[in-house]
Amino acid sequence: MLPIPLFEAVLACAIVAVASCVQGSIGFGLAVLAAPLLVLIEPEFIPAPLILNGMILVVLLAYRERKTVDRNGVKWMAIGCVPGSAIAAVVLTVVSASGFRIMFSILVMVAVVLSAIGYSIRLTRINILTAGVLSGFMGTTSSIGGPPVALIYQNLPGDRFRGTLSTYFCVAGTFAIIALILAGRCGKDELLLALVVLPGLLIGLAFSRLTAGMLDRRSMRPAVLILSGVSAIAVLVRTIL
């Protein structure tokens, strides 16, 4: 038996399919695109169920692009991710449901702004470490941990961008899930919701093999950011009203 109505499950699968195809093609987009829409369908999709699906996606992508990974960068981002995820776990234990939705909306809008800035940041150890801390916090609380690290690596070639971010997300997702389990935000109910949208994720990933060479990161970014920003505002307005 589905944990949500059939229509909502199909709609959620469709959203995840499109978002996973985008991420498989350009290296980011699953959480930024899917999270604000999924939370409008069922708030419990965020953060754990989407992170669990994201883990499957990034493991497969990391394997696909394994020859292009910046391993030293992944190491320093992962080190920064640990305290970020720990702080997020503490925050999630004290935030109410409505407070979480407000915090989620704000974090999505911050992520949109970070992704839209587009200026170059030097690949120094301190910048990579800082990006890891921010990514760990945002990823654990809202499932959207990509923008801080995408900003650091945005000028890399497509295959190196996808490989490096996917490998890092494998590590960051593991930390996030551990933190959510400790915070009591990842259990049987979250696992069932994750399974609901898993077919969509696998379909989107399969299509991304065809679109990876066709979609350009710059041409896709405006549409992803606009939709994410509008969805976050809708969540915020619905919560306040």
C-alpha atoms as a PDB file:
ATOM      1  CA  MET A   1       0.000   0.000   0.000  1.00  0.00           C
ATOM      2  CA  LEU A   2       1.318   3.420  -0.978  1.00  0.00           C
ATOM      3  CA  PRO A   3       1.993   5.871   1.883  1.00  0.00           C
ATOM      4  CA  ILE A   4       0.460   8.686  -0.229  1.00  0.00           C
ATOM      5  CA  PRO A   5      -2.412   8.797  -2.795  1.00  0.00           C
ATOM      6  CA  LEU A   6      -1.653   7.248  -6.195  1.00  0.00           C
ATOM      7  CA  PHE A   7      -1.944  10.522  -8.113  1.00  0.00           C
ATOM      8  CA  GLU A   8       0.534  12.214  -5.775  1.00  0.00           C
ATOM      9  CA  ALA A   9       2.910   9.256  -6.075  1.00  0.00           C
ATOM     10  CA  VAL A  10       2.836   9.413  -9.887  1.00  0.00           C
ATOM     11  CA  LEU A  11       3.349  13.185  -9.839  1.00  0.00           C
ATOM     12  CA  ALA A  12       6.261  12.856  -7.397  1.00  0.00           C
ATOM     13  CA  CYS A  13       7.829  10.162  -9.609  1.00  0.00           C
ATOM     14  CA  ALA A  14       7.528  12.418 -12.649  1.00  0.00           C
ATOM     15  CA  ILE A  15       9.199  15.306 -10.807  1.00  0.00           C
ATOM     16  CA  VAL A  16      12.076  13.093  -9.657  1.00  0.00           C
ATOM     17  CA  ALA A  17      12.460  11.622 -13.162  1.00  0.00           C
ATOM     18  CA  VAL A  18      12.911  15.072 -14.699  1.00  0.00           C
ATOM     19  CA  ALA A  19      15.192  16.262 -11.888  1.00  0.00           C
ATOM     20  CA  SER A  20      17.399  13.155 -11.986  1.00  0.00           C
ATOM     21  CA  CYS A  21      17.699  13.447 -15.769  1.00  0.00           C
ATOM     22  CA  VAL A  22      18.852  17.054 -15.318  1.00  0.00           C
ATOM     23  CA  GLN A  23      21.430  16.071 -12.688  1.00  0.00           C
ATOM     24  CA  GLY A  24      22.646  13.119 -14.729  1.00  0.00           C
ATOM     25  CA  SER A  25      23.127  15.458 -17.667  1.00  0.00           C
ATOM     26  CA  ILE A  26      24.708  18.549 -16.134  1.00  0.00           C
ATOM     27  CA  GLY A  27      25.939  17.453 -12.680  1.00  0.00           C
ATOM     28  CA  PHE A  28      23.376  19.116 -10.394  1.00  0.00           C
ATOM     29  CA  GLY A  29      19.642  19.657 -10.214  1.00  0.00           C
ATOM     30  CA  LEU A  30      17.982  16.727  -8.420  1.00  0.00           C
ATOM     31  CA  ALA A  31      17.470  18.388  -5.054  1.00  0.00           C
ATOM     32  CA  VAL A  32      17.355  22.007  -6.251  1.00  0.00           C
ATOM     33  CA  LEU A  33      14.620  21.176  -8.745  1.00  0.00           C
ATOM     34  CA  ALA A  34      12.724  18.370  -6.991  1.00  0.00           C
ATOM     35  CA  ALA A  35      12.761  19.399  -3.318  1.00  0.00           C
ATOM     36  CA  PRO A  36      10.608  22.570  -3.546  1.00  0.00           C
ATOM     37  CA  LEU A  37       8.027  20.703  -5.639  1.00  0.00           C
ATOM     38  CA  LEU A  38       8.000  17.511  -3.561  1.00  0.00           C
ATOM     39  CA  VAL A  39       7.488  19.462  -0.341  1.00  0.00           C
ATOM     40  CA  LEU A  40       4.285  20.902  -1.839  1.00  0.00           C
ATOM     41  CA  ILE A  41       3.017  17.353  -2.446  1.00  0.00           C
ATOM     42  CA  GLU A  42       4.167  15.805   0.848  1.00  0.00           C
ATOM     43  CA  PRO A  43       6.478  17.688   3.275  1.00  0.00           C
ATOM     44  CA  GLU A  44       7.887  14.390   4.596  1.00  0.00           C
ATOM     45  CA  PHE A  45       9.681  13.837   1.271  1.00  0.00           C
ATOM     46  CA  ILE A  46      12.252  16.302   2.652  1.00  0.00           C
ATOM     47  CA  PRO A  47      14.949  15.726   3.668  1.00  0.00           C
ATOM     48  CA  ALA A  48      15.552  11.974   4.173  1.00  0.00           C
ATOM     49  CA  PRO A  49      13.581  10.335   1.298  1.00  0.00           C
ATOM     50  CA  LEU A  50      15.070  12.650  -1.316  1.00  0.00           C
ATOM     51  CA  ILE A  51      18.576  12.247   0.128  1.00  0.00           C
ATOM     52  CA  LEU A  52      18.209   8.440   0.031  1.00  0.00           C
ATOM     53  CA  ASN A  53      17.261   8.621  -3.656  1.00  0.00           C
ATOM     54  CA  GLY A  54      20.014  11.117  -4.283  1.00  0.00           C
ATOM     55  CA  MET A  55      22.523   8.666  -2.825  1.00  0.00           C
ATOM     56  CA  ILE A  56      21.554   6.047  -5.406  1.00  0.00           C
ATOM     57  CA  LEU A  57      21.849   8.596  -8.203  1.00  0.00           C
ATOM     58  CA  VAL A  58      25.246   9.965  -7.198  1.00  0.00           C
ATOM     59  CA  VAL A  59      26.756   6.507  -6.617  1.00  0.00           C
ATOM     60  CA  LEU A  60      25.826   5.548 -10.173  1.00  0.00           C
ATOM     61  CA  LEU A  61      27.010   8.889 -11.576  1.00  0.00           C
ATOM     62  CA  ALA A  62      30.278   8.748  -9.610  1.00  0.00           C
ATOM     63  CA  TYR A  63      30.976   5.322 -11.090  1.00  0.00           C
ATOM     64  CA  ARG A  64      30.115   6.555 -14.583  1.00  0.00           C
ATOM     65  CA  GLU A  65      32.493   9.543 -14.291  1.00  0.00           C
ATOM     66  CA  ARG A  66      35.050   7.888 -11.974  1.00  0.00           C
ATOM     67  CA  LYS A  67      38.079   8.748 -14.142  1.00  0.00           C
ATOM     68  CA  THR A  68      37.513  12.522 -13.890  1.00  0.00           C
ATOM     69  CA  VAL A  69      37.231  13.051 -10.114  1.00  0.00           C
ATOM     70  CA  ASP A  70      39.215  15.712  -8.199  1.00  0.00           C
ATOM     71  CA  ARG A  71      39.956  13.400  -5.248  1.00  0.00           C
ATOM     72  CA  ASN A  72      41.845  15.989  -3.199  1.00  0.00           C
ATOM     73  CA  GLY A  73      38.932  18.408  -3.459  1.00  0.00           C
ATOM     74  CA  VAL A  74      36.471  15.691  -2.459  1.00  0.00           C
ATOM     75  CA  LYS A  75      38.593  14.973   0.637  1.00  0.00           C
ATOM     76  CA  TRP A  76      38.497  18.576   1.884  1.00  0.00           C
ATOM     77  CA  MET A  77      34.801  19.031   1.109  1.00  0.00           C
ATOM     78  CA  ALA A  78      34.065  15.833   3.038  1.00  0.00           C
ATOM     79  CA  ILE A  79      36.058  17.072   6.040  1.00  0.00           C
ATOM     80  CA  GLY A  80      34.000  20.273   6.045  1.00  0.00           C
ATOM     81  CA  CYS A  81      30.762  18.353   5.625  1.00  0.00           C
ATOM     82  CA  VAL A  82      31.093  16.588   8.997  1.00  0.00           C
ATOM     83  CA  PRO A  83      30.578  19.644  11.268  1.00  0.00           C
ATOM     84  CA  GLY A  84      27.963  21.032   8.854  1.00  0.00           C
ATOM     85  CA  SER A  85      25.875  17.867   9.094  1.00  0.00           C
ATOM     86  CA  ALA A  86      26.325  17.682  12.890  1.00  0.00           C
ATOM     87  CA  ILE A  87      25.046  21.239  13.353  1.00  0.00           C
ATOM     88  CA  ALA A  88      22.115  20.482  11.050  1.00  0.00           C
ATOM     89  CA  ALA A  89      21.158  17.397  13.097  1.00  0.00           C
ATOM     90  CA  VAL A  90      20.960  19.516  16.247  1.00  0.00           C
ATOM     91  CA  VAL A  91      18.860  22.158  14.475  1.00  0.00           C
ATOM     92  CA  LEU A  92      16.388  19.552  13.177  1.00  0.00           C
ATOM     93  CA  THR A  93      15.716  18.235  16.692  1.00  0.00           C
ATOM     94  CA  VAL A  94      14.462  21.620  17.899  1.00  0.00           C
ATOM     95  CA  VAL A  95      12.619  22.984  14.835  1.00  0.00           C
ATOM     96  CA  SER A  96       8.837  22.518  14.548  1.00  0.00           C
ATOM     97  CA  ALA A  97       7.115  21.352  11.337  1.00  0.00           C
ATOM     98  CA  SER A  98       6.089  24.870  10.329  1.00  0.00           C
ATOM     99  CA  GLY A  99       9.485  26.195  11.377  1.00  0.00           C
ATOM    100  CA  PHE A 100      11.129  23.553   9.212  1.00  0.00           C
ATOM    101  CA  ARG A 101       9.095  24.571   6.155  1.00  0.00           C
ATOM    102  CA  ILE A 102      10.032  28.224   6.669  1.00  0.00           C
ATOM    103  CA  MET A 103      13.707  27.310   7.128  1.00  0.00           C
ATOM    104  CA  PHE A 104      13.513  25.051   4.078  1.00  0.00           C
ATOM    105  CA  SER A 105      12.064  27.838   1.922  1.00  0.00           C
ATOM    106  CA  ILE A 106      14.760  30.263   3.014  1.00  0.00           C
ATOM    107  CA  LEU A 107      17.526  27.719   2.355  1.00  0.00           C
ATOM    108  CA  VAL A 108      16.145  26.993  -1.112  1.00  0.00           C
ATOM    109  CA  MET A 109      16.158  30.704  -1.928  1.00  0.00           C
ATOM    110  CA  VAL A 110      19.720  30.987  -0.586  1.00  0.00           C
ATOM    111  CA  ALA A 111      20.667  28.032  -2.786  1.00  0.00           C
ATOM    112  CA  VAL A 112      19.075  29.693  -5.812  1.00  0.00           C
ATOM    113  CA  VAL A 113      20.970  32.918  -5.158  1.00  0.00           C
ATOM    114  CA  LEU A 114      24.256  31.032  -4.689  1.00  0.00           C
ATOM    115  CA  SER A 115      23.710  29.108  -7.908  1.00  0.00           C
ATOM    116  CA  ALA A 116      22.741  32.260  -9.816  1.00  0.00           C
ATOM    117  CA  ILE A 117      25.734  34.329  -8.688  1.00  0.00           C
ATOM    118  CA  GLY A 118      28.043  32.598 -11.113  1.00  0.00           C
ATOM    119  CA  TYR A 119      31.280  34.369 -10.226  1.00  0.00           C
ATOM    120  CA  SER A 120      34.503  32.405 -10.018  1.00  0.00           C
ATOM    121  CA  ILE A 121      35.883  31.352  -6.634  1.00  0.00           C
ATOM    122  CA  ARG A 122      39.457  30.137  -6.399  1.00  0.00           C
ATOM    123  CA  LEU A 123      39.946  26.440  -5.692  1.00  0.00           C
ATOM    124  CA  THR A 124      41.865  26.966  -2.455  1.00  0.00           C
ATOM    125  CA  ARG A 125      41.782  24.507   0.435  1.00  0.00           C
ATOM    126  CA  ILE A 126      39.938  26.946   2.749  1.00  0.00           C
ATOM    127  CA  ASN A 127      37.295  27.725   0.105  1.00  0.00           C
ATOM    128  CA  ILE A 128      36.715  24.033  -0.602  1.00  0.00           C
ATOM    129  CA  LEU A 129      36.497  23.305   3.142  1.00  0.00           C
ATOM    130  CA  THR A 130      34.023  26.168   3.683  1.00  0.00           C
ATOM    131  CA  ALA A 131      31.892  24.934   0.789  1.00  0.00           C
ATOM    132  CA  GLY A 132      31.820  21.506   2.446  1.00  0.00           C
ATOM    133  CA  VAL A 133      30.575  22.950   5.760  1.00  0.00           C
ATOM    134  CA  LEU A 134      27.795  24.928   4.042  1.00  0.00           C
ATOM    135  CA  SER A 135      26.893  21.969   1.855  1.00  0.00           C
ATOM    136  CA  GLY A 136      26.721  19.616   4.853  1.00  0.00           C
ATOM    137  CA  PHE A 137      24.359  21.918   6.736  1.00  0.00           C
ATOM    138  CA  MET A 138      22.117  22.704   3.763  1.00  0.00           C
ATOM    139  CA  GLY A 139      22.092  19.128   2.510  1.00  0.00           C
ATOM    140  CA  THR A 140      21.091  17.630   5.863  1.00  0.00           C
ATOM    141  CA  THR A 141      18.371  20.187   6.639  1.00  0.00           C
ATOM    142  CA  SER A 142      16.856  20.648   3.188  1.00  0.00           C
ATOM    143  CA  SER A 143      18.426  17.907   0.980  1.00  0.00           C
ATOM    144  CA  ILE A 144      19.896  20.736  -1.159  1.00  0.00           C
ATOM    145  CA  GLY A 145      23.630  20.626  -0.560  1.00  0.00           C
ATOM    146  CA  GLY A 146      24.802  21.148  -4.121  1.00  0.00           C
ATOM    147  CA  PRO A 147      24.997  24.932  -4.662  1.00  0.00           C
ATOM    148  CA  PRO A 148      27.983  25.735  -2.385  1.00  0.00           C
ATOM    149  CA  VAL A 149      30.180  23.057  -3.977  1.00  0.00           C
ATOM    150  CA  ALA A 150      28.798  23.628  -7.484  1.00  0.00           C
ATOM    151  CA  LEU A 151      29.814  27.277  -7.153  1.00  0.00           C
ATOM    152  CA  ILE A 152      33.385  26.244  -6.373  1.00  0.00           C
ATOM    153  CA  TYR A 153      33.661  23.820  -9.295  1.00  0.00           C
ATOM    154  CA  GLN A 154      31.411  25.520 -11.861  1.00  0.00           C
ATOM    155  CA  ASN A 155      34.217  26.218 -14.363  1.00  0.00           C
ATOM    156  CA  LEU A 156      35.345  22.598 -14.700  1.00  0.00           C
ATOM    157  CA  PRO A 157      34.595  20.587 -17.864  1.00  0.00           C
ATOM    158  CA  GLY A 158      31.249  18.770 -17.728  1.00  0.00           C
ATOM    159  CA  ASP A 159      32.557  15.265 -17.056  1.00  0.00           C
ATOM    160  CA  ARG A 160      34.954  16.461 -14.319  1.00  0.00           C
ATOM    161  CA  PHE A 161      32.202  18.600 -12.762  1.00  0.00           C
ATOM    162  CA  ARG A 162      29.773  15.654 -12.666  1.00  0.00           C
ATOM    163  CA  GLY A 163      32.381  13.192 -11.416  1.00  0.00           C
ATOM    164  CA  THR A 164      33.741  15.399  -8.623  1.00  0.00           C
ATOM    165  CA  LEU A 165      30.365  16.536  -7.309  1.00  0.00           C
ATOM    166  CA  SER A 166      28.850  13.043  -7.522  1.00  0.00           C
ATOM    167  CA  THR A 167      31.753  11.506  -5.593  1.00  0.00           C
ATOM    168  CA  TYR A 168      31.500  14.198  -2.915  1.00  0.00           C
ATOM    169  CA  PHE A 169      27.714  13.718  -2.669  1.00  0.00           C
ATOM    170  CA  CYS A 170      28.286  10.008  -1.982  1.00  0.00           C
ATOM    171  CA  VAL A 171      30.241  10.977   1.135  1.00  0.00           C
ATOM    172  CA  ALA A 172      28.018  13.920   2.100  1.00  0.00           C
ATOM    173  CA  GLY A 173      24.849  11.860   1.689  1.00  0.00           C
ATOM    174  CA  THR A 174      26.216   9.216   4.036  1.00  0.00           C
ATOM    175  CA  PHE A 175      26.958  11.833   6.701  1.00  0.00           C
ATOM    176  CA  ALA A 176      23.517  13.391   6.194  1.00  0.00           C
ATOM    177  CA  ILE A 177      21.682  10.078   6.591  1.00  0.00           C
ATOM    178  CA  ILE A 178      23.637   9.245   9.768  1.00  0.00           C
ATOM    179  CA  ALA A 179      22.817  12.688  11.164  1.00  0.00           C
ATOM    180  CA  LEU A 180      19.122  12.311  10.283  1.00  0.00           C
ATOM    181  CA  ILE A 181      18.933   8.858  11.902  1.00  0.00           C
ATOM    182  CA  LEU A 182      20.451  10.287  15.085  1.00  0.00           C
ATOM    183  CA  ALA A 183      17.954  13.156  14.939  1.00  0.00           C
ATOM    184  CA  GLY A 184      15.048  10.728  14.521  1.00  0.00           C
ATOM    185  CA  ARG A 185      14.257  11.989  11.012  1.00  0.00           C
ATOM    186  CA  CYS A 186      15.081   8.863   9.005  1.00  0.00           C
ATOM    187  CA  GLY A 187      13.166   5.650   9.665  1.00  0.00           C
ATOM    188  CA  LYS A 188      10.610   3.283   8.145  1.00  0.00           C
ATOM    189  CA  ASP A 189       8.207   6.018   6.979  1.00  0.00           C
ATOM    190  CA  GLU A 190      10.970   7.920   5.217  1.00  0.00           C
ATOM    191  CA  LEU A 191      12.220   4.720   3.564  1.00  0.00           C
ATOM    192  CA  LEU A 192       8.736   3.976   2.193  1.00  0.00           C
ATOM    193  CA  LEU A 193       8.504   7.476   0.713  1.00  0.00           C
ATOM    194  CA  ALA A 194      11.948   7.045  -0.832  1.00  0.00           C
ATOM    195  CA  LEU A 195      10.781   3.837  -2.524  1.00  0.00           C
ATOM    196  CA  VAL A 196       7.745   5.652  -3.968  1.00  0.00           C
ATOM    197  CA  VAL A 197       9.891   7.909  -6.165  1.00  0.00           C
ATOM    198  CA  LEU A 198      12.729   5.448  -6.866  1.00  0.00           C
ATOM    199  CA  PRO A 199      11.243   4.359 -10.243  1.00  0.00           C
ATOM    200  CA  GLY A 200      11.249   7.983 -11.376  1.00  0.00           C
ATOM    201  CA  LEU A 201      14.883   8.365 -10.395  1.00  0.00           C
ATOM    202  CA  LEU A 202      15.962   5.296 -12.361  1.00  0.00           C
ATOM    203  CA  ILE A 203      14.006   6.398 -15.447  1.00  0.00           C
ATOM    204  CA  GLY A 204      15.530   9.890 -15.301  1.00  0.00           C
ATOM    205  CA  LEU A 205      19.047   8.498 -14.896  1.00  0.00           C
ATOM    206  CA  ALA A 206      18.566   6.210 -17.903  1.00  0.00           C
ATOM    207  CA  PHE A 207      17.471   9.144 -20.079  1.00  0.00           C
ATOM    208  CA  SER A 208      20.431  11.232 -18.886  1.00  0.00           C
ATOM    209  CA  ARG A 209      22.764   8.944 -20.830  1.00  0.00           C
ATOM    210  CA  LEU A 210      21.154  10.323 -23.980  1.00  0.00           C
ATOM    211  CA  THR A 211      20.977  13.952 -22.859  1.00  0.00           C
ATOM    212  CA  ALA A 212      24.350  14.370 -21.105  1.00  0.00           C
ATOM    213  CA  GLY A 213      26.027  15.473 -24.314  1.00  0.00           C
ATOM    214  CA  MET A 214      23.083  17.591 -25.476  1.00  0.00           C
ATOM    215  CA  LEU A 215      22.212  19.753 -22.476  1.00  0.00           C
ATOM    216  CA  ASP A 216      24.422  22.670 -21.583  1.00  0.00           C
ATOM    217  CA  ARG A 217      24.845  23.689 -17.919  1.00  0.00           C
ATOM    218  CA  ARG A 218      24.372  27.388 -18.709  1.00  0.00           C
ATOM    219  CA  SER A 219      21.227  26.925 -20.793  1.00  0.00           C
ATOM    220  CA  MET A 220      19.565  24.683 -18.180  1.00  0.00           C
ATOM    221  CA  ARG A 221      20.474  26.764 -15.130  1.00  0.00           C
ATOM    222  CA  PRO A 222      17.943  29.644 -15.539  1.00  0.00           C
ATOM    223  CA  ALA A 223      14.958  27.311 -15.883  1.00  0.00           C
ATOM    224  CA  VAL A 224      16.030  25.199 -12.888  1.00  0.00           C
ATOM    225  CA  LEU A 225      16.641  28.261 -10.702  1.00  0.00           C
ATOM    226  CA  ILE A 226      13.430  30.079 -11.631  1.00  0.00           C
ATOM    227  CA  LEU A 227      11.267  27.014 -10.987  1.00  0.00           C
ATOM    228  CA  SER A 228      13.062  26.325  -7.686  1.00  0.00           C
ATOM    229  CA  GLY A 229      12.712  29.918  -6.510  1.00  0.00           C
ATOM    230  CA  VAL A 230       8.998  30.109  -7.354  1.00  0.00           C
ATOM    231  CA  SER A 231       8.357  26.771  -5.626  1.00  0.00           C
ATOM    232  CA  ALA A 232      10.212  27.897  -2.487  1.00  0.00           C
ATOM    233  CA  ILE A 233       8.144  31.085  -2.343  1.00  0.00           C
ATOM    234  CA  ALA A 234       4.969  28.998  -2.723  1.00  0.00           C
ATOM    235  CA  VAL A 235       5.999  26.800   0.218  1.00  0.00           C
ATOM    236  CA  LEU A 236       6.748  29.875   2.344  1.00  0.00           C
ATOM    237  CA  VAL A 237       3.442  31.578   1.499  1.00  0.00           C
ATOM    238  CA  ARG A 238       1.444  28.401   2.161  1.00  0.00           C
ATOM    239  CA  THR A 239       3.138  27.938   5.542  1.00  0.00           C
ATOM    240  CA  ILE A 240       2.630  31.535   6.653  1.00  0.00           C
ATOM    241  CA  LEU A 241      -0.998  31.703   5.492  1.00  0.00           C
END
